[in-house]
Amino acid sequence: MSPEHRRLVIEELEAFQKTAAWAHIQESLDASARAALWSAGRRHPDQIAHANFVAGAVWAFDELRKMPGQLAQALRGTEALAAARAEIEQ
């Protein structure tokens, strides 16, 4: 990825996190996590397997909420490494 493209993607990710669409996605993820936790309180034939499934689902919802910020941070790190390499090579 070129440095220009990387900066554009970072800017777009940061802008996306401020949109109503992202706010709606986060609300949907939160509602899904609450529903999964609510279902964990009910009796199921295989309580342990269900509890593990719910824990995994809640973890996945949390990771999805963090994804745009983590992607932007990873790209910033790549950009910083590229800048440092370019400076060393000079």
N, C-alpha and C. Protein backbone atom coordinates (compact mmCIF):
# COMPACT_ATOMS: atom_id res chain seq x y z
N MET A 1 0.86 -1.17 0.00
CA MET A 1 0.00 0.00 0.00
C MET A 1 0.90 1.23 0.00
N SER A 2 0.60 2.15 -0.86
CA SER A 2 1.40 3.37 -0.93
C SER A 2 1.13 4.25 0.29
N PRO A 3 2.08 5.10 0.66
CA PRO A 3 1.86 6.00 1.81
C PRO A 3 0.63 6.89 1.64
N GLU A 4 0.39 7.34 0.43
CA GLU A 4 -0.77 8.20 0.18
C GLU A 4 -2.07 7.43 0.41
N HIS A 5 -2.10 6.21 -0.10
CA HIS A 5 -3.29 5.37 0.07
C HIS A 5 -3.51 5.04 1.54
N ARG A 6 -2.41 4.73 2.26
CA ARG A 6 -2.49 4.44 3.68
C ARG A 6 -3.08 5.63 4.45
N ARG A 7 -2.59 6.84 4.17
CA ARG A 7 -3.12 8.03 4.85
C ARG A 7 -4.60 8.24 4.54
N LEU A 8 -4.99 7.99 3.29
CA LEU A 8 -6.39 8.12 2.90
C LEU A 8 -7.26 7.13 3.67
N VAL A 9 -6.80 5.90 3.78
CA VAL A 9 -7.56 4.87 4.51
C VAL A 9 -7.68 5.26 5.99
N ILE A 10 -6.60 5.74 6.59
CA ILE A 10 -6.65 6.17 7.99
C ILE A 10 -7.68 7.28 8.17
N GLU A 11 -7.64 8.26 7.28
CA GLU A 11 -8.61 9.37 7.36
C GLU A 11 -10.04 8.87 7.21
N GLU A 12 -10.25 7.94 6.28
CA GLU A 12 -11.60 7.41 6.06
C GLU A 12 -12.07 6.59 7.26
N LEU A 13 -11.18 5.81 7.86
CA LEU A 13 -11.55 5.04 9.05
C LEU A 13 -11.91 5.98 10.20
N GLU A 14 -11.12 7.03 10.39
CA GLU A 14 -11.41 7.98 11.46
C GLU A 14 -12.72 8.71 11.20
N ALA A 15 -12.98 9.07 9.95
CA ALA A 15 -14.24 9.74 9.61
C ALA A 15 -15.42 8.78 9.79
N PHE A 16 -15.23 7.51 9.41
CA PHE A 16 -16.29 6.53 9.54
C PHE A 16 -16.73 6.36 10.98
N GLN A 17 -15.77 6.40 11.90
CA GLN A 17 -16.10 6.23 13.32
C GLN A 17 -16.97 7.35 13.86
N LYS A 18 -17.06 8.45 13.13
CA LYS A 18 -17.88 9.60 13.57
C LYS A 18 -19.24 9.63 12.89
N THR A 19 -19.54 8.65 12.05
CA THR A 19 -20.79 8.67 11.29
C THR A 19 -21.96 8.07 12.07
N ALA A 20 -23.15 8.42 11.63
CA ALA A 20 -24.36 7.85 12.21
C ALA A 20 -24.44 6.35 11.89
N ALA A 21 -23.92 5.95 10.74
CA ALA A 21 -23.94 4.53 10.36
C ALA A 21 -23.12 3.72 11.36
N TRP A 22 -21.93 4.20 11.74
CA TRP A 22 -21.12 3.47 12.70
C TRP A 22 -21.79 3.45 14.07
N ALA A 23 -22.41 4.56 14.45
CA ALA A 23 -23.14 4.60 15.72
C ALA A 23 -24.26 3.56 15.72
N HIS A 24 -24.95 3.42 14.59
CA HIS A 24 -26.03 2.43 14.47
C HIS A 24 -25.45 1.00 14.56
N ILE A 25 -24.34 0.78 13.89
CA ILE A 25 -23.71 -0.55 13.95
C ILE A 25 -23.33 -0.88 15.39
N GLN A 26 -22.74 0.08 16.10
CA GLN A 26 -22.37 -0.15 17.49
C GLN A 26 -23.59 -0.45 18.36
N GLU A 27 -24.67 0.28 18.15
CA GLU A 27 -25.90 0.02 18.90
C GLU A 27 -26.42 -1.38 18.62
N SER A 28 -26.35 -1.80 17.36
CA SER A 28 -26.80 -3.15 16.99
C SER A 28 -25.92 -4.21 17.64
N LEU A 29 -24.61 -3.98 17.65
CA LEU A 29 -23.70 -4.93 18.30
C LEU A 29 -23.97 -5.01 19.80
N ASP A 30 -24.21 -3.85 20.41
CA ASP A 30 -24.52 -3.84 21.85
C ASP A 30 -25.81 -4.60 22.14
N ALA A 31 -26.82 -4.37 21.30
CA ALA A 31 -28.10 -5.07 21.49
C ALA A 31 -27.93 -6.57 21.32
N SER A 32 -27.12 -6.97 20.34
CA SER A 32 -26.87 -8.40 20.13
C SER A 32 -26.12 -9.01 21.30
N ALA A 33 -25.15 -8.27 21.84
CA ALA A 33 -24.41 -8.77 23.00
C ALA A 33 -25.33 -8.91 24.21
N ARG A 34 -26.20 -7.92 24.41
CA ARG A 34 -27.15 -8.01 25.54
C ARG A 34 -28.08 -9.20 25.36
N ALA A 35 -28.55 -9.42 24.13
CA ALA A 35 -29.44 -10.56 23.86
C ALA A 35 -28.71 -11.88 24.12
N ALA A 36 -27.45 -11.96 23.73
CA ALA A 36 -26.68 -13.18 23.97
C ALA A 36 -26.50 -13.41 25.47
N LEU A 37 -26.19 -12.35 26.19
CA LEU A 37 -26.03 -12.48 27.64
C LEU A 37 -27.34 -12.86 28.31
N TRP A 38 -28.44 -12.29 27.83
CA TRP A 38 -29.76 -12.61 28.38
C TRP A 38 -30.06 -14.09 28.17
N SER A 39 -29.74 -14.59 26.98
CA SER A 39 -30.01 -16.01 26.69
C SER A 39 -29.14 -16.93 27.54
N ALA A 40 -27.99 -16.43 27.98
CA ALA A 40 -27.11 -17.25 28.81
C ALA A 40 -27.74 -17.55 30.16
N GLY A 41 -28.65 -16.68 30.60
CA GLY A 41 -29.30 -16.89 31.89
C GLY A 41 -30.40 -17.93 31.85
N ARG A 42 -30.82 -18.32 30.67
CA ARG A 42 -31.88 -19.33 30.55
C ARG A 42 -31.27 -20.72 30.62
N ARG A 43 -32.08 -21.67 30.95
CA ARG A 43 -31.61 -23.06 31.03
C ARG A 43 -31.49 -23.64 29.62
N HIS A 44 -30.40 -24.31 29.39
CA HIS A 44 -30.14 -24.97 28.11
C HIS A 44 -29.68 -26.39 28.41
N PRO A 45 -29.96 -27.32 27.49
CA PRO A 45 -29.56 -28.71 27.73
C PRO A 45 -28.05 -28.85 28.00
N ASP A 46 -27.24 -28.09 27.29
CA ASP A 46 -25.79 -28.16 27.48
C ASP A 46 -25.31 -26.78 27.93
N GLN A 47 -25.44 -26.52 29.22
CA GLN A 47 -25.12 -25.20 29.79
C GLN A 47 -23.70 -24.76 29.49
N ILE A 48 -22.73 -25.65 29.61
CA ILE A 48 -21.33 -25.27 29.42
C ILE A 48 -21.07 -24.86 27.98
N ALA A 49 -21.55 -25.65 27.04
CA ALA A 49 -21.35 -25.32 25.62
C ALA A 49 -22.04 -24.00 25.28
N HIS A 50 -23.24 -23.80 25.81
CA HIS A 50 -23.97 -22.57 25.53
C HIS A 50 -23.24 -21.37 26.15
N ALA A 51 -22.76 -21.51 27.37
CA ALA A 51 -22.03 -20.42 28.02
C ALA A 51 -20.77 -20.07 27.23
N ASN A 52 -20.08 -21.09 26.73
CA ASN A 52 -18.88 -20.84 25.92
C ASN A 52 -19.24 -20.13 24.62
N PHE A 53 -20.34 -20.54 24.00
CA PHE A 53 -20.80 -19.90 22.78
C PHE A 53 -21.12 -18.44 23.03
N VAL A 54 -21.85 -18.16 24.11
CA VAL A 54 -22.24 -16.79 24.43
C VAL A 54 -21.00 -15.94 24.72
N ALA A 55 -20.05 -16.49 25.48
CA ALA A 55 -18.82 -15.76 25.77
C ALA A 55 -18.07 -15.43 24.48
N GLY A 56 -18.02 -16.36 23.57
CA GLY A 56 -17.38 -16.11 22.28
C GLY A 56 -18.10 -15.07 21.47
N ALA A 57 -19.43 -15.11 21.49
CA ALA A 57 -20.22 -14.12 20.75
C ALA A 57 -20.00 -12.72 21.31
N VAL A 58 -20.02 -12.59 22.62
CA VAL A 58 -19.82 -11.28 23.24
C VAL A 58 -18.41 -10.77 22.94
N TRP A 59 -17.42 -11.66 22.98
CA TRP A 59 -16.06 -11.27 22.64
C TRP A 59 -16.00 -10.77 21.18
N ALA A 60 -16.66 -11.48 20.27
CA ALA A 60 -16.67 -11.08 18.85
C ALA A 60 -17.34 -9.73 18.66
N PHE A 61 -18.45 -9.49 19.36
CA PHE A 61 -19.12 -8.19 19.25
C PHE A 61 -18.18 -7.08 19.71
N ASP A 62 -17.46 -7.32 20.80
CA ASP A 62 -16.53 -6.32 21.32
C ASP A 62 -15.39 -6.06 20.34
N GLU A 63 -14.87 -7.13 19.75
CA GLU A 63 -13.78 -6.97 18.77
C GLU A 63 -14.25 -6.21 17.53
N LEU A 64 -15.47 -6.47 17.09
CA LEU A 64 -16.00 -5.74 15.93
C LEU A 64 -16.13 -4.25 16.23
N ARG A 65 -16.52 -3.92 17.46
CA ARG A 65 -16.65 -2.51 17.84
C ARG A 65 -15.30 -1.80 17.79
N LYS A 66 -14.23 -2.53 18.10
CA LYS A 66 -12.89 -1.93 18.13
C LYS A 66 -12.21 -1.89 16.76
N MET A 67 -12.74 -2.63 15.80
CA MET A 67 -12.05 -2.85 14.54
C MET A 67 -11.61 -1.59 13.79
N PRO A 68 -12.47 -0.61 13.54
CA PRO A 68 -12.00 0.56 12.79
C PRO A 68 -10.82 1.28 13.47
N GLY A 69 -10.90 1.44 14.77
CA GLY A 69 -9.81 2.09 15.49
C GLY A 69 -8.53 1.27 15.46
N GLN A 70 -8.67 -0.04 15.59
CA GLN A 70 -7.49 -0.91 15.54
C GLN A 70 -6.85 -0.93 14.16
N LEU A 71 -7.68 -0.92 13.12
CA LEU A 71 -7.14 -0.87 11.76
C LEU A 71 -6.38 0.43 11.52
N ALA A 72 -6.97 1.54 11.95
CA ALA A 72 -6.31 2.83 11.79
C ALA A 72 -4.99 2.85 12.56
N GLN A 73 -5.00 2.33 13.78
CA GLN A 73 -3.78 2.29 14.59
C GLN A 73 -2.70 1.43 13.94
N ALA A 74 -3.08 0.29 13.39
CA ALA A 74 -2.12 -0.58 12.72
C ALA A 74 -1.52 0.13 11.50
N LEU A 75 -2.35 0.84 10.76
CA LEU A 75 -1.85 1.58 9.60
C LEU A 75 -0.93 2.72 10.02
N ARG A 76 -1.25 3.39 11.14
CA ARG A 76 -0.36 4.43 11.65
C ARG A 76 0.99 3.84 12.04
N GLY A 77 0.98 2.65 12.65
CA GLY A 77 2.21 1.97 13.00
C GLY A 77 3.04 1.62 11.77
N THR A 78 2.38 1.12 10.74
CA THR A 78 3.06 0.80 9.49
C THR A 78 3.65 2.06 8.88
N GLU A 79 2.90 3.15 8.94
CA GLU A 79 3.38 4.43 8.41
C GLU A 79 4.61 4.91 9.18
N ALA A 80 4.58 4.77 10.50
CA ALA A 80 5.71 5.18 11.32
C ALA A 80 6.95 4.33 11.02
N LEU A 81 6.76 3.03 10.85
CA LEU A 81 7.89 2.15 10.51
C LEU A 81 8.47 2.50 9.15
N ALA A 82 7.61 2.78 8.19
CA ALA A 82 8.08 3.14 6.85
C ALA A 82 8.87 4.45 6.90
N ALA A 83 8.39 5.40 7.69
CA ALA A 83 9.09 6.67 7.83
C ALA A 83 10.45 6.48 8.49
N ALA A 84 10.50 5.62 9.51
CA ALA A 84 11.77 5.35 10.18
C ALA A 84 12.75 4.65 9.26
N ARG A 85 12.26 3.70 8.48
CA ARG A 85 13.13 3.00 7.52
C ARG A 85 13.68 3.98 6.48
N ALA A 86 12.82 4.86 5.99
CA ALA A 86 13.23 5.84 4.99
C ALA A 86 14.30 6.77 5.58
N GLU A 87 14.14 7.12 6.82
CA GLU A 87 15.11 8.00 7.48
C GLU A 87 16.45 7.30 7.67
N ILE A 88 16.41 6.02 8.02
CA ILE A 88 17.63 5.24 8.22
C ILE A 88 18.37 5.09 6.90
N GLU A 89 17.63 4.88 5.83
CA GLU A 89 18.23 4.65 4.52
C GLU A 89 18.86 5.90 3.94
N GLN A 90 18.53 7.06 4.45
CA GLN A 90 19.10 8.30 3.89
C GLN A 90 20.47 8.54 4.34
